[in-house]
Amino acid sequence: MGKYPNRLEIVFIVILSIMLSTGIAMGMGSTPRVPQIKIEGQEARLSPMMIGVGSIFMKIENSGNGDDTLLNAKVTIPGTITELHDVKEGKMTKKNKIRIPAKDIVELKPRSLHIMVFKMPGSIKEGNEITLQLTFEKSGEKQVRVKFIKGSDAGMQHNH
């Protein structure tokens, strides 16, 4: 290279500068904050105290780099009401949403976060399976099959 750069060197420097500035502007080198939701271990239990009422439990794993939020849950049984719940000081309370942090697992379990289903037909028994549709803020809708197993959630009080 002489005292002054030739045309090819100038073109190369300009193209390289454009590529670098475009890459920086588009977040080159940064990881996108995208959640990756996986549902496992889902099961349901009928209430031993209230006919037509059940609790649903599962693990929601977010292996992605971005947080997500469970906004809603519903079952495919007409006329049912499905709600997100938590238990605080032994009392069950309705929640509007459940945060699912990045690189974390949120466990819905008895006497903690869970999903409640009300007004189910009396024909729902242990061994029956239902379809549960979960709606996440960023990941959209996910459907899972949930089987009713033998269990008890006695000792919790509704407080809503």
N, C-alpha and C. Protein backbone atom coordinates (compact mmCIF):
# COMPACT_ATOMS: atom_id res chain seq x y z
N MET A 1 0.84 -1.17 0.00
CA MET A 1 0.00 0.00 0.00
C MET A 1 0.89 1.23 0.00
N GLY A 2 0.65 2.10 -0.92
CA GLY A 2 1.46 3.31 -1.06
C GLY A 2 1.01 4.37 -0.09
N LYS A 3 1.39 5.60 -0.41
CA LYS A 3 1.06 6.75 0.42
C LYS A 3 -0.44 6.98 0.47
N TYR A 4 -1.13 6.75 -0.66
CA TYR A 4 -2.57 6.94 -0.73
C TYR A 4 -3.22 5.59 -1.04
N PRO A 5 -4.38 5.30 -0.41
CA PRO A 5 -5.06 4.02 -0.70
C PRO A 5 -5.63 4.04 -2.12
N ASN A 6 -5.62 2.85 -2.78
CA ASN A 6 -6.22 2.80 -4.11
C ASN A 6 -7.73 2.59 -3.98
N ARG A 7 -8.42 2.61 -5.11
CA ARG A 7 -9.88 2.51 -5.12
C ARG A 7 -10.38 1.22 -4.46
N LEU A 8 -9.74 0.11 -4.73
CA LEU A 8 -10.16 -1.18 -4.17
C LEU A 8 -10.07 -1.16 -2.64
N GLU A 9 -9.00 -0.56 -2.12
CA GLU A 9 -8.86 -0.47 -0.67
C GLU A 9 -9.94 0.43 -0.06
N ILE A 10 -10.28 1.51 -0.73
CA ILE A 10 -11.33 2.42 -0.25
C ILE A 10 -12.68 1.71 -0.25
N VAL A 11 -13.00 1.00 -1.32
CA VAL A 11 -14.27 0.27 -1.41
C VAL A 11 -14.33 -0.77 -0.28
N PHE A 12 -13.24 -1.50 -0.06
CA PHE A 12 -13.18 -2.51 0.99
C PHE A 12 -13.44 -1.87 2.35
N ILE A 13 -12.80 -0.75 2.65
CA ILE A 13 -12.96 -0.06 3.93
C ILE A 13 -14.40 0.42 4.10
N VAL A 14 -15.01 0.98 3.04
CA VAL A 14 -16.39 1.47 3.11
C VAL A 14 -17.35 0.30 3.37
N ILE A 15 -17.19 -0.80 2.63
CA ILE A 15 -18.08 -1.96 2.81
C ILE A 15 -17.92 -2.53 4.22
N LEU A 16 -16.70 -2.66 4.68
CA LEU A 16 -16.45 -3.17 6.02
C LEU A 16 -17.09 -2.27 7.08
N SER A 17 -16.99 -0.97 6.91
CA SER A 17 -17.59 -0.01 7.85
C SER A 17 -19.11 -0.14 7.86
N ILE A 18 -19.72 -0.29 6.69
CA ILE A 18 -21.17 -0.44 6.61
C ILE A 18 -21.61 -1.74 7.29
N MET A 19 -20.90 -2.82 7.03
CA MET A 19 -21.25 -4.10 7.63
C MET A 19 -21.14 -4.05 9.15
N LEU A 20 -20.09 -3.44 9.66
CA LEU A 20 -19.91 -3.34 11.10
C LEU A 20 -20.99 -2.48 11.74
N SER A 21 -21.29 -1.32 11.15
CA SER A 21 -22.29 -0.44 11.74
C SER A 21 -23.68 -1.06 11.66
N THR A 22 -23.98 -1.77 10.56
CA THR A 22 -25.27 -2.45 10.44
C THR A 22 -25.37 -3.58 11.47
N GLY A 23 -24.30 -4.33 11.63
CA GLY A 23 -24.29 -5.42 12.60
C GLY A 23 -24.48 -4.91 14.01
N ILE A 24 -23.86 -3.82 14.37
CA ILE A 24 -24.01 -3.24 15.70
C ILE A 24 -25.43 -2.75 15.90
N ALA A 25 -25.99 -2.08 14.90
CA ALA A 25 -27.35 -1.57 14.99
C ALA A 25 -28.36 -2.71 15.13
N MET A 26 -28.09 -3.85 14.53
CA MET A 26 -29.03 -4.98 14.58
C MET A 26 -28.75 -5.88 15.78
N GLY A 27 -27.85 -5.49 16.65
CA GLY A 27 -27.59 -6.27 17.85
C GLY A 27 -26.64 -7.42 17.64
N MET A 28 -25.72 -7.28 16.69
CA MET A 28 -24.76 -8.34 16.42
C MET A 28 -23.98 -8.66 17.69
N GLY A 29 -23.90 -9.93 17.99
CA GLY A 29 -23.18 -10.35 19.17
C GLY A 29 -24.06 -10.45 20.40
N SER A 30 -25.27 -9.94 20.36
CA SER A 30 -26.17 -10.08 21.51
C SER A 30 -27.15 -11.22 21.24
N THR A 31 -27.55 -11.88 22.31
CA THR A 31 -28.48 -13.00 22.21
C THR A 31 -29.90 -12.47 22.24
N PRO A 32 -30.74 -12.89 21.30
CA PRO A 32 -32.14 -12.44 21.33
C PRO A 32 -32.83 -12.94 22.60
N ARG A 33 -33.67 -12.13 23.16
CA ARG A 33 -34.39 -12.46 24.38
C ARG A 33 -35.69 -13.19 24.04
N VAL A 34 -35.56 -14.45 23.66
CA VAL A 34 -36.70 -15.24 23.22
C VAL A 34 -36.92 -16.39 24.20
N PRO A 35 -38.14 -16.52 24.73
CA PRO A 35 -38.40 -17.66 25.61
C PRO A 35 -38.54 -18.95 24.80
N GLN A 36 -38.29 -20.09 25.44
CA GLN A 36 -38.51 -21.41 24.84
C GLN A 36 -39.24 -22.24 25.88
N ILE A 37 -40.56 -22.34 25.73
CA ILE A 37 -41.42 -22.97 26.74
C ILE A 37 -41.63 -24.45 26.44
N LYS A 38 -41.48 -25.26 27.50
CA LYS A 38 -41.72 -26.69 27.41
C LYS A 38 -42.54 -27.09 28.64
N ILE A 39 -43.61 -27.87 28.41
CA ILE A 39 -44.49 -28.32 29.48
C ILE A 39 -44.22 -29.80 29.72
N GLU A 40 -44.09 -30.19 30.99
CA GLU A 40 -43.92 -31.61 31.28
C GLU A 40 -44.48 -31.93 32.66
N GLY A 41 -44.74 -33.22 32.87
CA GLY A 41 -45.23 -33.69 34.17
C GLY A 41 -46.63 -33.24 34.50
N GLN A 42 -47.44 -32.93 33.49
CA GLN A 42 -48.78 -32.43 33.76
C GLN A 42 -49.68 -33.54 34.28
N GLU A 43 -50.49 -33.20 35.29
CA GLU A 43 -51.47 -34.12 35.86
C GLU A 43 -52.58 -33.30 36.49
N ALA A 44 -53.73 -33.94 36.67
CA ALA A 44 -54.88 -33.26 37.27
C ALA A 44 -55.42 -34.14 38.40
N ARG A 45 -56.03 -33.48 39.36
CA ARG A 45 -56.64 -34.18 40.48
C ARG A 45 -58.02 -33.60 40.73
N LEU A 46 -58.99 -34.49 40.94
CA LEU A 46 -60.34 -34.05 41.27
C LEU A 46 -60.38 -33.65 42.74
N SER A 47 -61.17 -32.64 43.05
CA SER A 47 -61.32 -32.22 44.44
C SER A 47 -62.10 -33.28 45.20
N PRO A 48 -61.62 -33.69 46.37
CA PRO A 48 -62.37 -34.65 47.17
C PRO A 48 -63.55 -34.00 47.88
N MET A 49 -63.59 -32.66 47.88
CA MET A 49 -64.62 -31.95 48.64
C MET A 49 -65.67 -31.27 47.77
N MET A 50 -65.35 -31.00 46.51
CA MET A 50 -66.29 -30.27 45.65
C MET A 50 -66.44 -31.01 44.33
N ILE A 51 -67.66 -31.38 43.99
CA ILE A 51 -67.93 -32.09 42.74
C ILE A 51 -67.74 -31.13 41.57
N GLY A 52 -67.10 -31.61 40.51
CA GLY A 52 -66.90 -30.81 39.31
C GLY A 52 -65.74 -29.84 39.39
N VAL A 53 -64.86 -30.03 40.39
CA VAL A 53 -63.72 -29.13 40.57
C VAL A 53 -62.44 -29.96 40.53
N GLY A 54 -61.45 -29.43 39.81
CA GLY A 54 -60.17 -30.12 39.74
C GLY A 54 -59.01 -29.15 39.74
N SER A 55 -57.84 -29.66 40.11
CA SER A 55 -56.60 -28.89 40.12
C SER A 55 -55.65 -29.50 39.10
N ILE A 56 -54.90 -28.65 38.39
CA ILE A 56 -53.94 -29.11 37.39
C ILE A 56 -52.55 -28.63 37.79
N PHE A 57 -51.59 -29.56 37.70
CA PHE A 57 -50.21 -29.28 38.08
C PHE A 57 -49.28 -29.64 36.93
N MET A 58 -48.10 -29.04 36.88
CA MET A 58 -47.13 -29.31 35.82
C MET A 58 -45.85 -28.54 36.09
N LYS A 59 -44.84 -28.83 35.29
CA LYS A 59 -43.62 -28.03 35.28
C LYS A 59 -43.58 -27.27 33.96
N ILE A 60 -43.33 -25.97 34.05
CA ILE A 60 -43.18 -25.14 32.86
C ILE A 60 -41.72 -24.70 32.81
N GLU A 61 -41.01 -25.22 31.82
CA GLU A 61 -39.59 -24.92 31.68
C GLU A 61 -39.40 -23.87 30.59
N ASN A 62 -38.63 -22.85 30.91
CA ASN A 62 -38.27 -21.82 29.93
C ASN A 62 -36.76 -21.88 29.74
N SER A 63 -36.31 -22.61 28.71
CA SER A 63 -34.88 -22.75 28.47
C SER A 63 -34.33 -21.61 27.60
N GLY A 64 -35.19 -20.67 27.22
CA GLY A 64 -34.76 -19.55 26.38
C GLY A 64 -34.10 -18.44 27.17
N ASN A 65 -33.73 -17.38 26.46
CA ASN A 65 -33.05 -16.23 27.06
C ASN A 65 -33.99 -15.11 27.47
N GLY A 66 -35.28 -15.25 27.16
CA GLY A 66 -36.24 -14.20 27.50
C GLY A 66 -37.33 -14.71 28.43
N ASP A 67 -37.79 -13.84 29.31
CA ASP A 67 -38.90 -14.18 30.21
C ASP A 67 -40.18 -14.35 29.41
N ASP A 68 -41.13 -15.05 29.99
CA ASP A 68 -42.47 -15.17 29.41
C ASP A 68 -43.46 -15.12 30.57
N THR A 69 -44.74 -15.06 30.24
CA THR A 69 -45.78 -14.99 31.26
C THR A 69 -46.96 -15.85 30.83
N LEU A 70 -47.42 -16.73 31.72
CA LEU A 70 -48.63 -17.50 31.49
C LEU A 70 -49.80 -16.57 31.79
N LEU A 71 -50.60 -16.27 30.77
CA LEU A 71 -51.69 -15.32 30.91
C LEU A 71 -53.04 -15.97 31.15
N ASN A 72 -53.21 -17.20 30.62
CA ASN A 72 -54.53 -17.81 30.66
C ASN A 72 -54.41 -19.31 30.49
N ALA A 73 -55.40 -20.02 30.99
CA ALA A 73 -55.50 -21.46 30.79
C ALA A 73 -56.98 -21.77 30.60
N LYS A 74 -57.26 -22.74 29.73
CA LYS A 74 -58.65 -23.19 29.58
C LYS A 74 -58.65 -24.64 29.12
N VAL A 75 -59.72 -25.32 29.47
CA VAL A 75 -59.89 -26.70 29.05
C VAL A 75 -60.96 -26.74 27.96
N THR A 76 -60.96 -27.83 27.21
CA THR A 76 -61.87 -27.93 26.07
C THR A 76 -63.23 -28.52 26.45
N ILE A 77 -63.60 -28.43 27.72
CA ILE A 77 -64.91 -28.90 28.18
C ILE A 77 -65.84 -27.69 28.23
N PRO A 78 -66.93 -27.71 27.44
CA PRO A 78 -67.85 -26.57 27.43
C PRO A 78 -68.42 -26.27 28.82
N GLY A 79 -68.56 -24.98 29.13
CA GLY A 79 -69.18 -24.53 30.37
C GLY A 79 -68.26 -24.48 31.57
N THR A 80 -67.00 -24.88 31.40
CA THR A 80 -66.09 -24.86 32.55
C THR A 80 -65.47 -23.48 32.73
N ILE A 81 -64.99 -23.24 33.93
CA ILE A 81 -64.26 -22.02 34.24
C ILE A 81 -62.87 -22.47 34.68
N THR A 82 -61.83 -21.89 34.07
CA THR A 82 -60.44 -22.25 34.39
C THR A 82 -59.72 -21.01 34.87
N GLU A 83 -59.02 -21.13 36.01
CA GLU A 83 -58.35 -19.99 36.60
C GLU A 83 -56.93 -20.36 37.04
N LEU A 84 -56.05 -19.38 37.03
CA LEU A 84 -54.71 -19.51 37.59
C LEU A 84 -54.81 -19.21 39.08
N HIS A 85 -54.17 -20.03 39.92
CA HIS A 85 -54.28 -19.84 41.38
C HIS A 85 -52.92 -19.95 42.04
N ASP A 86 -52.86 -19.43 43.26
CA ASP A 86 -51.71 -19.60 44.14
C ASP A 86 -52.26 -19.86 45.53
N VAL A 87 -51.42 -20.34 46.42
CA VAL A 87 -51.81 -20.56 47.81
C VAL A 87 -50.86 -19.76 48.68
N LYS A 88 -51.43 -18.89 49.48
CA LYS A 88 -50.66 -18.08 50.43
C LYS A 88 -51.28 -18.25 51.81
N GLU A 89 -50.46 -18.60 52.77
CA GLU A 89 -50.90 -18.81 54.16
C GLU A 89 -52.09 -19.77 54.22
N GLY A 90 -52.04 -20.83 53.40
CA GLY A 90 -53.07 -21.85 53.42
C GLY A 90 -54.36 -21.50 52.70
N LYS A 91 -54.42 -20.32 52.09
CA LYS A 91 -55.63 -19.89 51.39
C LYS A 91 -55.37 -19.76 49.90
N MET A 92 -56.30 -20.29 49.10
CA MET A 92 -56.17 -20.25 47.65
C MET A 92 -56.66 -18.90 47.13
N THR A 93 -55.87 -18.27 46.27
CA THR A 93 -56.26 -16.99 45.68
C THR A 93 -56.06 -17.03 44.17
N LYS A 94 -56.92 -16.34 43.47
CA LYS A 94 -56.84 -16.25 42.01
C LYS A 94 -55.69 -15.33 41.62
N LYS A 95 -54.97 -15.70 40.54
CA LYS A 95 -53.89 -14.88 39.99
C LYS A 95 -54.25 -14.48 38.56
N ASN A 96 -53.79 -13.31 38.14
CA ASN A 96 -54.03 -12.86 36.77
C ASN A 96 -53.02 -13.44 35.79
N LYS A 97 -51.82 -13.75 36.29
CA LYS A 97 -50.76 -14.27 35.42
C LYS A 97 -49.68 -14.92 36.27
N ILE A 98 -48.85 -15.74 35.61
CA ILE A 98 -47.73 -16.39 36.27
C ILE A 98 -46.48 -16.13 35.45
N ARG A 99 -45.49 -15.51 36.06
CA ARG A 99 -44.23 -15.19 35.37
C ARG A 99 -43.39 -16.45 35.22
N ILE A 100 -42.83 -16.63 34.02
CA ILE A 100 -41.96 -17.76 33.71
C ILE A 100 -40.59 -17.17 33.32
N PRO A 101 -39.66 -17.04 34.28
CA PRO A 101 -38.36 -16.41 34.00
C PRO A 101 -37.52 -17.23 33.02
N ALA A 102 -36.64 -16.53 32.32
CA ALA A 102 -35.69 -17.18 31.41
C ALA A 102 -34.80 -18.13 32.19
N LYS A 103 -34.41 -19.22 31.52
CA LYS A 103 -33.49 -20.21 32.11
C LYS A 103 -33.96 -20.71 33.47
N ASP A 104 -35.29 -20.97 33.59
CA ASP A 104 -35.84 -21.38 34.88
C ASP A 104 -36.99 -22.36 34.66
N ILE A 105 -37.39 -23.02 35.73
CA ILE A 105 -38.54 -23.92 35.72
C ILE A 105 -39.51 -23.43 36.79
N VAL A 106 -40.77 -23.23 36.42
CA VAL A 106 -41.81 -22.87 37.37
C VAL A 106 -42.67 -24.12 37.56
N GLU A 107 -42.78 -24.55 38.81
CA GLU A 107 -43.54 -25.76 39.09
C GLU A 107 -44.91 -25.40 39.66
N LEU A 108 -45.95 -25.87 38.98
CA LEU A 108 -47.30 -25.74 39.48
C LEU A 108 -47.56 -27.02 40.25
N LYS A 109 -47.83 -26.89 41.57
CA LYS A 109 -47.92 -28.06 42.44
C LYS A 109 -48.93 -27.81 43.55
N PRO A 110 -49.34 -28.87 44.25
CA PRO A 110 -50.30 -28.69 45.35
C PRO A 110 -49.77 -27.71 46.39
N ARG A 111 -50.69 -26.93 46.93
CA ARG A 111 -50.42 -25.93 47.97
C ARG A 111 -49.46 -24.83 47.51
N SER A 112 -49.47 -24.56 46.21
CA SER A 112 -48.62 -23.54 45.59
C SER A 112 -49.32 -23.05 44.33
N LEU A 113 -48.55 -22.58 43.35
CA LEU A 113 -49.13 -22.20 42.06
C LEU A 113 -49.79 -23.42 41.42
N HIS A 114 -50.96 -23.23 40.81
CA HIS A 114 -51.66 -24.31 40.11
C HIS A 114 -52.77 -23.72 39.25
N ILE A 115 -53.46 -24.59 38.52
CA ILE A 115 -54.60 -24.20 37.69
C ILE A 115 -55.84 -24.89 38.25
N MET A 116 -56.91 -24.15 38.41
CA MET A 116 -58.18 -24.72 38.89
C MET A 116 -59.19 -24.76 37.75
N VAL A 117 -59.98 -25.83 37.73
CA VAL A 117 -61.07 -25.96 36.76
C VAL A 117 -62.36 -26.18 37.55
N PHE A 118 -63.35 -25.33 37.28
CA PHE A 118 -64.64 -25.39 37.95
C PHE A 118 -65.74 -25.75 36.95
N LYS A 119 -66.85 -26.26 37.47
CA LYS A 119 -68.06 -26.57 36.68
C LYS A 119 -67.81 -27.68 35.65
N MET A 120 -66.97 -28.65 36.00
CA MET A 120 -66.79 -29.82 35.12
C MET A 120 -67.98 -30.76 35.31
N PRO A 121 -68.33 -31.49 34.26
CA PRO A 121 -69.43 -32.45 34.41
C PRO A 121 -69.05 -33.57 35.39
N GLY A 122 -70.04 -34.11 36.06
CA GLY A 122 -69.81 -35.18 37.02
C GLY A 122 -69.26 -36.44 36.39
N SER A 123 -69.31 -36.52 35.06
CA SER A 123 -68.80 -37.71 34.36
C SER A 123 -67.27 -37.75 34.32
N ILE A 124 -66.60 -36.64 34.69
CA ILE A 124 -65.14 -36.63 34.72
C ILE A 124 -64.68 -37.41 35.95
N LYS A 125 -63.91 -38.44 35.71
CA LYS A 125 -63.44 -39.32 36.79
C LYS A 125 -61.92 -39.51 36.67
N GLU A 126 -61.32 -40.14 37.70
CA GLU A 126 -59.92 -40.51 37.64
C GLU A 126 -59.69 -41.36 36.41
N GLY A 127 -58.59 -41.12 35.71
CA GLY A 127 -58.28 -41.85 34.49
C GLY A 127 -58.68 -41.10 33.22
N ASN A 128 -59.64 -40.16 33.33
CA ASN A 128 -60.03 -39.36 32.16
C ASN A 128 -58.92 -38.39 31.80
N GLU A 129 -58.81 -38.10 30.49
CA GLU A 129 -57.87 -37.09 30.01
C GLU A 129 -58.64 -35.92 29.42
N ILE A 130 -58.09 -34.73 29.61
CA ILE A 130 -58.67 -33.52 29.02
C ILE A 130 -57.55 -32.78 28.29
N THR A 131 -57.95 -31.86 27.41
CA THR A 131 -56.98 -31.01 26.73
C THR A 131 -56.97 -29.65 27.42
N LEU A 132 -55.77 -29.21 27.76
CA LEU A 132 -55.57 -27.92 28.41
C LEU A 132 -54.85 -27.00 27.43
N GLN A 133 -55.39 -25.81 27.24
CA GLN A 133 -54.76 -24.82 26.37
C GLN A 133 -54.19 -23.71 27.24
N LEU A 134 -52.88 -23.51 27.14
CA LEU A 134 -52.19 -22.47 27.88
C LEU A 134 -51.84 -21.32 26.95
N THR A 135 -52.05 -20.10 27.38
CA THR A 135 -51.72 -18.93 26.57
C THR A 135 -50.61 -18.15 27.25
N PHE A 136 -49.48 -18.04 26.53
CA PHE A 136 -48.32 -17.31 27.02
C PHE A 136 -48.21 -15.97 26.30
N GLU A 137 -47.70 -14.97 26.99
CA GLU A 137 -47.58 -13.62 26.43
C GLU A 137 -46.73 -13.63 25.16
N LYS A 138 -45.58 -14.29 25.17
CA LYS A 138 -44.67 -14.27 24.02
C LYS A 138 -44.71 -15.55 23.21
N SER A 139 -44.90 -16.68 23.86
CA SER A 139 -44.85 -17.98 23.17
C SER A 139 -46.18 -18.39 22.56
N GLY A 140 -47.24 -17.64 22.83
CA GLY A 140 -48.53 -17.96 22.25
C GLY A 140 -49.20 -19.14 22.94
N GLU A 141 -49.97 -19.90 22.18
CA GLU A 141 -50.76 -20.99 22.74
C GLU A 141 -50.03 -22.32 22.67
N LYS A 142 -50.16 -23.08 23.75
CA LYS A 142 -49.62 -24.43 23.83
C LYS A 142 -50.73 -25.33 24.35
N GLN A 143 -50.92 -26.48 23.69
CA GLN A 143 -51.92 -27.44 24.15
C GLN A 143 -51.23 -28.67 24.70
N VAL A 144 -51.75 -29.17 25.84
CA VAL A 144 -51.24 -30.39 26.43
C VAL A 144 -52.41 -31.26 26.89
N ARG A 145 -52.19 -32.56 26.89
CA ARG A 145 -53.17 -33.51 27.42
C ARG A 145 -52.86 -33.69 28.90
N VAL A 146 -53.92 -33.73 29.71
CA VAL A 146 -53.76 -33.85 31.15
C VAL A 146 -54.67 -34.98 31.63
N LYS A 147 -54.11 -35.89 32.41
CA LYS A 147 -54.86 -37.04 32.93
C LYS A 147 -55.19 -36.83 34.40
N PHE A 148 -56.43 -37.17 34.78
CA PHE A 148 -56.82 -37.11 36.18
C PHE A 148 -56.30 -38.33 36.91
N ILE A 149 -55.55 -38.08 37.98
CA ILE A 149 -55.00 -39.17 38.79
C ILE A 149 -55.58 -39.08 40.20
N LYS A 150 -55.36 -40.12 40.98
CA LYS A 150 -55.82 -40.12 42.36
C LYS A 150 -54.98 -39.14 43.16
N GLY A 151 -55.62 -38.34 43.98
CA GLY A 151 -54.90 -37.37 44.79
C GLY A 151 -55.83 -36.58 45.65
N SER A 152 -55.28 -35.71 46.47
CA SER A 152 -56.07 -34.91 47.38
C SER A 152 -55.47 -33.52 47.49
N ASP A 153 -56.34 -32.53 47.53
CA ASP A 153 -55.87 -31.17 47.82
C ASP A 153 -56.66 -30.63 49.01
N ALA A 154 -57.01 -31.53 49.92
CA ALA A 154 -57.74 -31.14 51.13
C ALA A 154 -56.89 -30.17 51.95
N GLY A 155 -57.54 -29.35 52.70
CA GLY A 155 -56.83 -28.45 53.58
C GLY A 155 -56.67 -27.05 53.02
N MET A 156 -57.04 -26.83 51.76
CA MET A 156 -56.93 -25.48 51.19
C MET A 156 -58.32 -24.84 51.21
N GLN A 157 -58.35 -23.55 51.43
CA GLN A 157 -59.60 -22.81 51.42
C GLN A 157 -59.60 -21.83 50.26
N HIS A 158 -60.76 -21.69 49.63
CA HIS A 158 -60.89 -20.67 48.58
C HIS A 158 -61.04 -19.32 49.24
N ASN A 159 -60.41 -18.31 48.65
CA ASN A 159 -60.47 -16.97 49.21
C ASN A 159 -60.61 -15.96 48.07
N HIS A 160 -61.65 -16.12 47.27
CA HIS A 160 -61.88 -15.14 46.19
C HIS A 160 -63.33 -15.06 45.85
